Amino acid sequence: MYSAEDGKGALLNGSPIHTSEQTSLEGAFLATGFPFK
């Protein structure tokens, strides 16, 4: 269960989560979706 409220952070099953610190495209692990529609 992921949840968030403006200004109060994001949670996964009630525990805080944070993004990675990746700043460069080099080495970045990414996701995408095809424009299948």
PDB file of all heavy atoms in Angstrom:
ATOM      1  N   MET A   1       0.845  -1.183   0.000  1.00  0.00           N
ATOM      2  CA  MET A   1       0.000   0.000   0.000  1.00  0.00           C
ATOM      3  C   MET A   1       0.887   1.242   0.000  1.00  0.00           C
ATOM      4  O   MET A   1       1.580   1.531   0.971  1.00  0.00           O
ATOM      5  CB  MET A   1      -0.913   0.023   1.223  1.00  0.00           C
ATOM      6  CG  MET A   1      -1.801   1.255   1.322  1.00  0.00           C
ATOM      7  SD  MET A   1      -3.116   1.314   0.074  1.00  0.00           S
ATOM      8  CE  MET A   1      -4.229   0.061   0.750  1.00  0.00           C
ATOM      9  N   TYR A   2       0.848   1.961  -1.116  1.00  0.00           N
ATOM     10  CA  TYR A   2       1.567   3.227  -1.234  1.00  0.00           C
ATOM     11  C   TYR A   2       0.584   4.362  -0.981  1.00  0.00           C
ATOM     12  O   TYR A   2      -0.553   4.320  -1.467  1.00  0.00           O
ATOM     13  CB  TYR A   2       2.162   3.381  -2.631  1.00  0.00           C
ATOM     14  CG  TYR A   2       3.179   2.333  -2.997  1.00  0.00           C
ATOM     15  CD1 TYR A   2       2.787   1.114  -3.544  1.00  0.00           C
ATOM     16  CD2 TYR A   2       4.534   2.557  -2.800  1.00  0.00           C
ATOM     17  CE1 TYR A   2       3.719   0.142  -3.882  1.00  0.00           C
ATOM     18  CE2 TYR A   2       5.481   1.596  -3.133  1.00  0.00           C
ATOM     19  CZ  TYR A   2       5.060   0.385  -3.676  1.00  0.00           C
ATOM     20  OH  TYR A   2       5.979  -0.578  -4.008  1.00  0.00           O
ATOM     21  N   SER A   3       1.030   5.383  -0.254  1.00  0.00           N
ATOM     22  CA  SER A   3       0.131   6.504   0.006  1.00  0.00           C
ATOM     23  C   SER A   3       0.939   7.772   0.218  1.00  0.00           C
ATOM     24  O   SER A   3       2.129   7.722   0.576  1.00  0.00           O
ATOM     25  CB  SER A   3      -0.747   6.237   1.236  1.00  0.00           C
ATOM     26  OG  SER A   3       0.046   6.094   2.396  1.00  0.00           O
ATOM     27  N   ALA A   4       0.293   8.904  -0.013  1.00  0.00           N
ATOM     28  CA  ALA A   4       0.951  10.193   0.187  1.00  0.00           C
ATOM     29  C   ALA A   4      -0.097  11.274   0.367  1.00  0.00           C
ATOM     30  O   ALA A   4      -1.211  11.182  -0.146  1.00  0.00           O
ATOM     31  CB  ALA A   4       1.857  10.540  -0.989  1.00  0.00           C
ATOM     32  N   GLU A   5       0.308  12.295   1.096  1.00  0.00           N
ATOM     33  CA  GLU A   5      -0.514  13.478   1.303  1.00  0.00           C
ATOM     34  C   GLU A   5       0.382  14.687   1.142  1.00  0.00           C
ATOM     35  O   GLU A   5       1.526  14.697   1.617  1.00  0.00           O
ATOM     36  CB  GLU A   5      -1.133  13.449   2.692  1.00  0.00           C
ATOM     37  CG  GLU A   5      -2.019  14.636   3.001  1.00  0.00           C
ATOM     38  CD  GLU A   5      -2.636  14.557   4.381  1.00  0.00           C
ATOM     39  OE1 GLU A   5      -2.522  13.487   5.029  1.00  0.00           O
ATOM     40  OE2 GLU A   5      -3.210  15.573   4.813  1.00  0.00           O
ATOM     41  N   ASP A   6      -0.117  15.706   0.472  1.00  0.00           N
ATOM     42  CA  ASP A   6       0.661  16.893   0.156  1.00  0.00           C
ATOM     43  C   ASP A   6       1.362  17.449   1.398  1.00  0.00           C
ATOM     44  O   ASP A   6       0.725  17.773   2.396  1.00  0.00           O
ATOM     45  CB  ASP A   6      -0.263  17.959  -0.439  1.00  0.00           C
ATOM     46  CG  ASP A   6       0.506  19.048  -1.161  1.00  0.00           C
ATOM     47  OD1 ASP A   6       1.650  18.804  -1.572  1.00  0.00           O
ATOM     48  OD2 ASP A   6      -0.036  20.163  -1.308  1.00  0.00           O
ATOM     49  N   GLY A   7       2.690  17.508   1.341  1.00  0.00           N
ATOM     50  CA  GLY A   7       3.473  18.071   2.423  1.00  0.00           C
ATOM     51  C   GLY A   7       3.786  17.139   3.566  1.00  0.00           C
ATOM     52  O   GLY A   7       4.460  17.519   4.528  1.00  0.00           O
ATOM     53  N   LYS A   8       3.339  15.875   3.482  1.00  0.00           N
ATOM     54  CA  LYS A   8       3.531  14.941   4.595  1.00  0.00           C
ATOM     55  C   LYS A   8       4.342  13.701   4.236  1.00  0.00           C
ATOM     56  O   LYS A   8       4.449  12.775   5.025  1.00  0.00           O
ATOM     57  CB  LYS A   8       2.176  14.524   5.165  1.00  0.00           C
ATOM     58  CG  LYS A   8       1.400  15.688   5.783  1.00  0.00           C
ATOM     59  CD  LYS A   8       0.138  15.222   6.484  1.00  0.00           C
ATOM     60  CE  LYS A   8      -0.579  16.390   7.155  1.00  0.00           C
ATOM     61  NZ  LYS A   8      -1.809  15.960   7.862  1.00  0.00           N
ATOM     62  N   GLY A   9       4.908  13.682   3.040  1.00  0.00           N
ATOM     63  CA  GLY A   9       5.745  12.563   2.659  1.00  0.00           C
ATOM     64  C   GLY A   9       4.963  11.402   2.090  1.00  0.00           C
ATOM     65  O   GLY A   9       3.734  11.411   2.032  1.00  0.00           O
ATOM     66  N   ALA A  10       5.707  10.374   1.662  1.00  0.00           N
ATOM     67  CA  ALA A  10       5.124   9.183   1.049  1.00  0.00           C
ATOM     68  C   ALA A  10       5.423   7.970   1.907  1.00  0.00           C
ATOM     69  O   ALA A  10       6.468   7.879   2.558  1.00  0.00           O
ATOM     70  CB  ALA A  10       5.684   8.983  -0.351  1.00  0.00           C
ATOM     71  N   LEU A  11       4.505   6.998   1.877  1.00  0.00           N
ATOM     72  CA  LEU A  11       4.606   5.817   2.714  1.00  0.00           C
ATOM     73  C   LEU A  11       4.402   4.548   1.890  1.00  0.00           C
ATOM     74  O   LEU A  11       3.652   4.539   0.913  1.00  0.00           O
ATOM     75  CB  LEU A  11       3.555   5.840   3.821  1.00  0.00           C
ATOM     76  CG  LEU A  11       3.511   7.052   4.752  1.00  0.00           C
ATOM     77  CD1 LEU A  11       2.295   6.957   5.675  1.00  0.00           C
ATOM     78  CD2 LEU A  11       4.788   7.153   5.573  1.00  0.00           C
ATOM     79  N   LEU A  12       5.054   3.476   2.325  1.00  0.00           N
ATOM     80  CA  LEU A  12       4.802   2.129   1.835  1.00  0.00           C
ATOM     81  C   LEU A  12       4.489   1.270   3.049  1.00  0.00           C
ATOM     82  O   LEU A  12       5.336   1.083   3.924  1.00  0.00           O
ATOM     83  CB  LEU A  12       6.008   1.577   1.082  1.00  0.00           C
ATOM     84  CG  LEU A  12       5.993   0.075   0.764  1.00  0.00           C
ATOM     85  CD1 LEU A  12       4.737  -0.327   0.020  1.00  0.00           C
ATOM     86  CD2 LEU A  12       7.243  -0.323  -0.020  1.00  0.00           C
ATOM     87  N   ASN A  13       3.240   0.793   3.102  1.00  0.00           N
ATOM     88  CA  ASN A  13       2.774   0.016   4.256  1.00  0.00           C
ATOM     89  C   ASN A  13       3.084   0.730   5.575  1.00  0.00           C
ATOM     90  O   ASN A  13       3.486   0.110   6.561  1.00  0.00           O
ATOM     91  CB  ASN A  13       3.377  -1.388   4.240  1.00  0.00           C
ATOM     92  CG  ASN A  13       2.826  -2.241   3.111  1.00  0.00           C
ATOM     93  OD1 ASN A  13       1.771  -1.948   2.549  1.00  0.00           O
ATOM     94  ND2 ASN A  13       3.534  -3.302   2.772  1.00  0.00           N
ATOM     95  N   GLY A  14       2.908   2.048   5.565  1.00  0.00           N
ATOM     96  CA  GLY A  14       3.050   2.843   6.774  1.00  0.00           C
ATOM     97  C   GLY A  14       4.438   3.341   7.079  1.00  0.00           C
ATOM     98  O   GLY A  14       4.623   4.137   8.017  1.00  0.00           O
ATOM     99  N   SER A  15       5.438   2.918   6.307  1.00  0.00           N
ATOM    100  CA  SER A  15       6.818   3.366   6.545  1.00  0.00           C
ATOM    101  C   SER A  15       7.242   4.349   5.463  1.00  0.00           C
ATOM    102  O   SER A  15       6.897   4.180   4.287  1.00  0.00           O
ATOM    103  CB  SER A  15       7.771   2.165   6.538  1.00  0.00           C
ATOM    104  OG  SER A  15       7.460   1.274   7.600  1.00  0.00           O
ATOM    105  N   PRO A  16       8.010   5.387   5.833  1.00  0.00           N
ATOM    106  CA  PRO A  16       8.418   6.396   4.857  1.00  0.00           C
ATOM    107  C   PRO A  16       9.262   5.812   3.731  1.00  0.00           C
ATOM    108  O   PRO A  16      10.074   4.898   3.957  1.00  0.00           O
ATOM    109  CB  PRO A  16       9.239   7.378   5.692  1.00  0.00           C
ATOM    110  CG  PRO A  16       8.784   7.177   7.096  1.00  0.00           C
ATOM    111  CD  PRO A  16       8.457   5.718   7.193  1.00  0.00           C
ATOM    112  N   ILE A  17       9.063   6.312   2.539  1.00  0.00           N
ATOM    113  CA  ILE A  17       9.887   5.938   1.392  1.00  0.00           C
ATOM    114  C   ILE A  17      10.448   7.193   0.737  1.00  0.00           C
ATOM    115  O   ILE A  17       9.885   8.287   0.853  1.00  0.00           O
ATOM    116  CB  ILE A  17       9.104   5.115   0.345  1.00  0.00           C
ATOM    117  CG1 ILE A  17       7.819   5.839  -0.095  1.00  0.00           C
ATOM    118  CG2 ILE A  17       8.805   3.732   0.869  1.00  0.00           C
ATOM    119  CD1 ILE A  17       7.094   5.140  -1.236  1.00  0.00           C
ATOM    120  N   HIS A  18      11.563   7.017   0.047  1.00  0.00           N
ATOM    121  CA  HIS A  18      12.236   8.121  -0.622  1.00  0.00           C
ATOM    122  C   HIS A  18      12.801   7.629  -1.954  1.00  0.00           C
ATOM    123  O   HIS A  18      13.142   6.457  -2.104  1.00  0.00           O
ATOM    124  CB  HIS A  18      13.373   8.670   0.245  1.00  0.00           C
ATOM    125  CG  HIS A  18      12.943   9.106   1.604  1.00  0.00           C
ATOM    126  ND1 HIS A  18      12.342  10.315   1.832  1.00  0.00           N
ATOM    127  CD2 HIS A  18      12.997   8.460   2.805  1.00  0.00           C
ATOM    128  CE1 HIS A  18      12.051  10.421   3.123  1.00  0.00           C
ATOM    129  NE2 HIS A  18      12.442   9.310   3.742  1.00  0.00           N
ATOM    130  N   THR A  19      12.904   8.526  -2.877  1.00  0.00           N
ATOM    131  CA  THR A  19      13.511   8.208  -4.163  1.00  0.00           C
ATOM    132  C   THR A  19      15.010   7.968  -3.990  1.00  0.00           C
ATOM    133  O   THR A  19      15.599   8.280  -2.950  1.00  0.00           O
ATOM    134  CB  THR A  19      13.309   9.353  -5.160  1.00  0.00           C
ATOM    135  OG1 THR A  19      13.887  10.551  -4.619  1.00  0.00           O
ATOM    136  CG2 THR A  19      11.835   9.591  -5.446  1.00  0.00           C
ATOM    137  N   SER A  20      15.608   7.414  -5.040  1.00  0.00           N
ATOM    138  CA  SER A  20      17.059   7.277  -5.051  1.00  0.00           C
ATOM    139  C   SER A  20      17.686   8.662  -5.194  1.00  0.00           C
ATOM    140  O   SER A  20      16.989   9.664  -5.360  1.00  0.00           O
ATOM    141  CB  SER A  20      17.505   6.386  -6.212  1.00  0.00           C
ATOM    142  OG  SER A  20      17.383   7.080  -7.456  1.00  0.00           O
ATOM    143  N   GLU A  21      19.012   8.699  -5.152  1.00  0.00           N
ATOM    144  CA  GLU A  21      19.730   9.966  -5.302  1.00  0.00           C
ATOM    145  C   GLU A  21      20.359  10.093  -6.682  1.00  0.00           C
ATOM    146  O   GLU A  21      21.238  10.931  -6.896  1.00  0.00           O
ATOM    147  CB  GLU A  21      20.795  10.094  -4.214  1.00  0.00           C
ATOM    148  CG  GLU A  21      20.209  10.125  -2.806  1.00  0.00           C
ATOM    149  CD  GLU A  21      21.263  10.244  -1.726  1.00  0.00           C
ATOM    150  OE1 GLU A  21      22.476  10.225  -2.071  1.00  0.00           O
ATOM    151  OE2 GLU A  21      20.894  10.349  -0.540  1.00  0.00           O
ATOM    152  N   GLN A  22      19.876   9.296  -7.635  1.00  0.00           N
ATOM    153  CA  GLN A  22      20.444   9.289  -8.976  1.00  0.00           C
ATOM    154  C   GLN A  22      20.232  10.638  -9.662  1.00  0.00           C
ATOM    155  O   GLN A  22      19.109  11.125  -9.766  1.00  0.00           O
ATOM    156  CB  GLN A  22      19.803   8.189  -9.814  1.00  0.00           C
ATOM    157  CG  GLN A  22      20.368   8.023 -11.209  1.00  0.00           C
ATOM    158  CD  GLN A  22      21.733   7.364 -11.214  1.00  0.00           C
ATOM    159  OE1 GLN A  22      22.101   6.674 -10.269  1.00  0.00           O
ATOM    160  NE2 GLN A  22      22.491   7.572 -12.278  1.00  0.00           N
ATOM    161  N   THR A  23      21.314  11.247 -10.135  1.00  0.00           N
ATOM    162  CA  THR A  23      21.212  12.564 -10.778  1.00  0.00           C
ATOM    163  C   THR A  23      21.566  12.536 -12.258  1.00  0.00           C
ATOM    164  O   THR A  23      21.320  13.505 -12.971  1.00  0.00           O
ATOM    165  CB  THR A  23      22.131  13.576 -10.079  1.00  0.00           C
ATOM    166  OG1 THR A  23      23.490  13.098 -10.131  1.00  0.00           O
ATOM    167  CG2 THR A  23      21.713  13.778  -8.628  1.00  0.00           C
ATOM    168  N   SER A  24      22.129  11.430 -12.720  1.00  0.00           N
ATOM    169  CA  SER A  24      22.584  11.346 -14.100  1.00  0.00           C
ATOM    170  C   SER A  24      21.878  10.227 -14.840  1.00  0.00           C
ATOM    171  O   SER A  24      21.574   9.178 -14.261  1.00  0.00           O
ATOM    172  CB  SER A  24      24.100  11.115 -14.141  1.00  0.00           C
ATOM    173  OG  SER A  24      24.539  10.853 -15.464  1.00  0.00           O
ATOM    174  N   LEU A  25      21.652  10.428 -16.132  1.00  0.00           N
ATOM    175  CA  LEU A  25      21.078   9.375 -16.956  1.00  0.00           C
ATOM    176  C   LEU A  25      22.015   8.181 -17.043  1.00  0.00           C
ATOM    177  O   LEU A  25      21.574   7.029 -17.076  1.00  0.00           O
ATOM    178  CB  LEU A  25      20.776   9.917 -18.357  1.00  0.00           C
ATOM    179  CG  LEU A  25      20.023   8.993 -19.311  1.00  0.00           C
ATOM    180  CD1 LEU A  25      18.658   8.619 -18.751  1.00  0.00           C
ATOM    181  CD2 LEU A  25      19.873   9.652 -20.681  1.00  0.00           C
ATOM    182  N   GLU A  26      23.312   8.444 -17.041  1.00  0.00           N
ATOM    183  CA  GLU A  26      24.287   7.366 -17.073  1.00  0.00           C
ATOM    184  C   GLU A  26      24.144   6.498 -15.815  1.00  0.00           C
ATOM    185  O   GLU A  26      24.250   6.995 -14.693  1.00  0.00           O
ATOM    186  CB  GLU A  26      25.706   7.920 -17.156  1.00  0.00           C
ATOM    187  CG  GLU A  26      26.781   6.851 -17.262  1.00  0.00           C
ATOM    188  CD  GLU A  26      28.178   7.434 -17.375  1.00  0.00           C
ATOM    189  OE1 GLU A  26      28.315   8.666 -17.368  1.00  0.00           O
ATOM    190  OE2 GLU A  26      29.131   6.641 -17.481  1.00  0.00           O
ATOM    191  N   GLY A  27      23.874   5.243 -16.017  1.00  0.00           N
ATOM    192  CA  GLY A  27      23.709   4.329 -14.903  1.00  0.00           C
ATOM    193  C   GLY A  27      22.311   4.270 -14.321  1.00  0.00           C
ATOM    194  O   GLY A  27      22.037   3.456 -13.430  1.00  0.00           O
ATOM    195  N   ALA A  28      21.393   5.108 -14.808  1.00  0.00           N
ATOM    196  CA  ALA A  28      20.037   5.151 -14.261  1.00  0.00           C
ATOM    197  C   ALA A  28      19.247   3.913 -14.685  1.00  0.00           C
ATOM    198  O   ALA A  28      19.321   3.474 -15.840  1.00  0.00           O
ATOM    199  CB  ALA A  28      19.326   6.412 -14.718  1.00  0.00           C
ATOM    200  N   PHE A  29      18.481   3.372 -13.765  1.00  0.00           N
ATOM    201  CA  PHE A  29      17.616   2.215 -14.005  1.00  0.00           C
ATOM    202  C   PHE A  29      16.192   2.741 -14.141  1.00  0.00           C
ATOM    203  O   PHE A  29      15.623   3.275 -13.179  1.00  0.00           O
ATOM    204  CB  PHE A  29      17.734   1.234 -12.845  1.00  0.00           C
ATOM    205  CG  PHE A  29      17.012  -0.063 -13.050  1.00  0.00           C
ATOM    206  CD1 PHE A  29      17.141  -0.782 -14.225  1.00  0.00           C
ATOM    207  CD2 PHE A  29      16.210  -0.590 -12.040  1.00  0.00           C
ATOM    208  CE1 PHE A  29      16.479  -1.993 -14.401  1.00  0.00           C
ATOM    209  CE2 PHE A  29      15.552  -1.802 -12.209  1.00  0.00           C
ATOM    210  CZ  PHE A  29      15.695  -2.499 -13.392  1.00  0.00           C
ATOM    211  N   LEU A  30      15.608   2.598 -15.329  1.00  0.00           N
ATOM    212  CA  LEU A  30      14.387   3.313 -15.676  1.00  0.00           C
ATOM    213  C   LEU A  30      13.255   2.370 -16.077  1.00  0.00           C
ATOM    214  O   LEU A  30      13.486   1.214 -16.446  1.00  0.00           O
ATOM    215  CB  LEU A  30      14.658   4.279 -16.833  1.00  0.00           C
ATOM    216  CG  LEU A  30      15.796   5.269 -16.631  1.00  0.00           C
ATOM    217  CD1 LEU A  30      16.100   5.987 -17.937  1.00  0.00           C
ATOM    218  CD2 LEU A  30      15.456   6.276 -15.533  1.00  0.00           C
ATOM    219  N   ALA A  31      12.056   2.902 -16.029  1.00  0.00           N
ATOM    220  CA  ALA A  31      10.862   2.194 -16.503  1.00  0.00           C
ATOM    221  C   ALA A  31      10.169   3.037 -17.562  1.00  0.00           C
ATOM    222  O   ALA A  31      10.291   4.266 -17.581  1.00  0.00           O
ATOM    223  CB  ALA A  31       9.908   1.932 -15.340  1.00  0.00           C
ATOM    224  N   THR A  32       9.418   2.380 -18.419  1.00  0.00           N
ATOM    225  CA  THR A  32       8.676   3.084 -19.454  1.00  0.00           C
ATOM    226  C   THR A  32       7.408   2.307 -19.785  1.00  0.00           C
ATOM    227  O   THR A  32       7.190   1.193 -19.298  1.00  0.00           O
ATOM    228  CB  THR A  32       9.529   3.277 -20.720  1.00  0.00           C
ATOM    229  OG1 THR A  32       8.845   4.136 -21.649  1.00  0.00           O
ATOM    230  CG2 THR A  32       9.821   1.946 -21.398  1.00  0.00           C
ATOM    231  N   GLY A  33       6.589   2.903 -20.598  1.00  0.00           N
ATOM    232  CA  GLY A  33       5.397   2.246 -21.114  1.00  0.00           C
ATOM    233  C   GLY A  33       5.243   2.609 -22.575  1.00  0.00           C
ATOM    234  O   GLY A  33       5.457   3.755 -22.958  1.00  0.00           O
ATOM    235  N   PHE A  34       4.895   1.641 -23.400  1.00  0.00           N
ATOM    236  CA  PHE A  34       4.729   1.907 -24.827  1.00  0.00           C
ATOM    237  C   PHE A  34       3.405   2.626 -25.086  1.00  0.00           C
ATOM    238  O   PHE A  34       2.414   2.368 -24.393  1.00  0.00           O
ATOM    239  CB  PHE A  34       4.744   0.591 -25.619  1.00  0.00           C
ATOM    240  CG  PHE A  34       5.932  -0.275 -25.330  1.00  0.00           C
ATOM    241  CD1 PHE A  34       5.774  -1.648 -25.163  1.00  0.00           C
ATOM    242  CD2 PHE A  34       7.201   0.269 -25.222  1.00  0.00           C
ATOM    243  CE1 PHE A  34       6.865  -2.459 -24.890  1.00  0.00           C
ATOM    244  CE2 PHE A  34       8.300  -0.533 -24.949  1.00  0.00           C
ATOM    245  CZ  PHE A  34       8.131  -1.911 -24.777  1.00  0.00           C
ATOM    246  N   PRO A  35       3.352   3.498 -26.099  1.00  0.00           N
ATOM    247  CA  PRO A  35       2.094   4.184 -26.442  1.00  0.00           C
ATOM    248  C   PRO A  35       1.168   3.266 -27.235  1.00  0.00           C
ATOM    249  O   PRO A  35       0.824   3.535 -28.388  1.00  0.00           O
ATOM    250  CB  PRO A  35       2.569   5.380 -27.271  1.00  0.00           C
ATOM    251  CG  PRO A  35       3.811   4.889 -27.937  1.00  0.00           C
ATOM    252  CD  PRO A  35       4.478   3.970 -26.936  1.00  0.00           C
ATOM    253  N   PHE A  36       0.749   2.161 -26.605  1.00  0.00           N
ATOM    254  CA  PHE A  36       0.040   1.108 -27.340  1.00  0.00           C
ATOM    255  C   PHE A  36      -1.373   1.515 -27.740  1.00  0.00           C
ATOM    256  O   PHE A  36      -1.990   0.873 -28.582  1.00  0.00           O
ATOM    257  CB  PHE A  36       0.008  -0.188 -26.521  1.00  0.00           C
ATOM    258  CG  PHE A  36      -0.722  -0.090 -25.202  1.00  0.00           C
ATOM    259  CD1 PHE A  36      -2.047  -0.431 -25.110  1.00  0.00           C
ATOM    260  CD2 PHE A  36      -0.056   0.349 -24.070  1.00  0.00           C
ATOM    261  CE1 PHE A  36      -2.721  -0.351 -23.902  1.00  0.00           C
ATOM    262  CE2 PHE A  36      -0.723   0.435 -22.854  1.00  0.00           C
ATOM    263  CZ  PHE A  36      -2.052   0.091 -22.768  1.00  0.00           C
ATOM    264  N   LYS A  37      -1.902   2.594 -27.147  1.00  0.00           N
ATOM    265  CA  LYS A  37      -3.217   3.087 -27.555  1.00  0.00           C
ATOM    266  C   LYS A  37      -3.113   4.218 -28.571  1.00  0.00           C
ATOM    267  O   LYS A  37      -4.123   4.674 -29.089  1.00  0.00           O
ATOM    268  CB  LYS A  37      -3.996   3.565 -26.332  1.00  0.00           C
ATOM    269  CG  LYS A  37      -4.278   2.481 -25.296  1.00  0.00           C
ATOM    270  CD  LYS A  37      -5.006   3.041 -24.097  1.00  0.00           C
ATOM    271  CE  LYS A  37      -5.158   2.009 -22.998  1.00  0.00           C
ATOM    272  NZ  LYS A  37      -5.817   2.565 -21.778  1.00  0.00           N
TER     273      LYS A  37
END
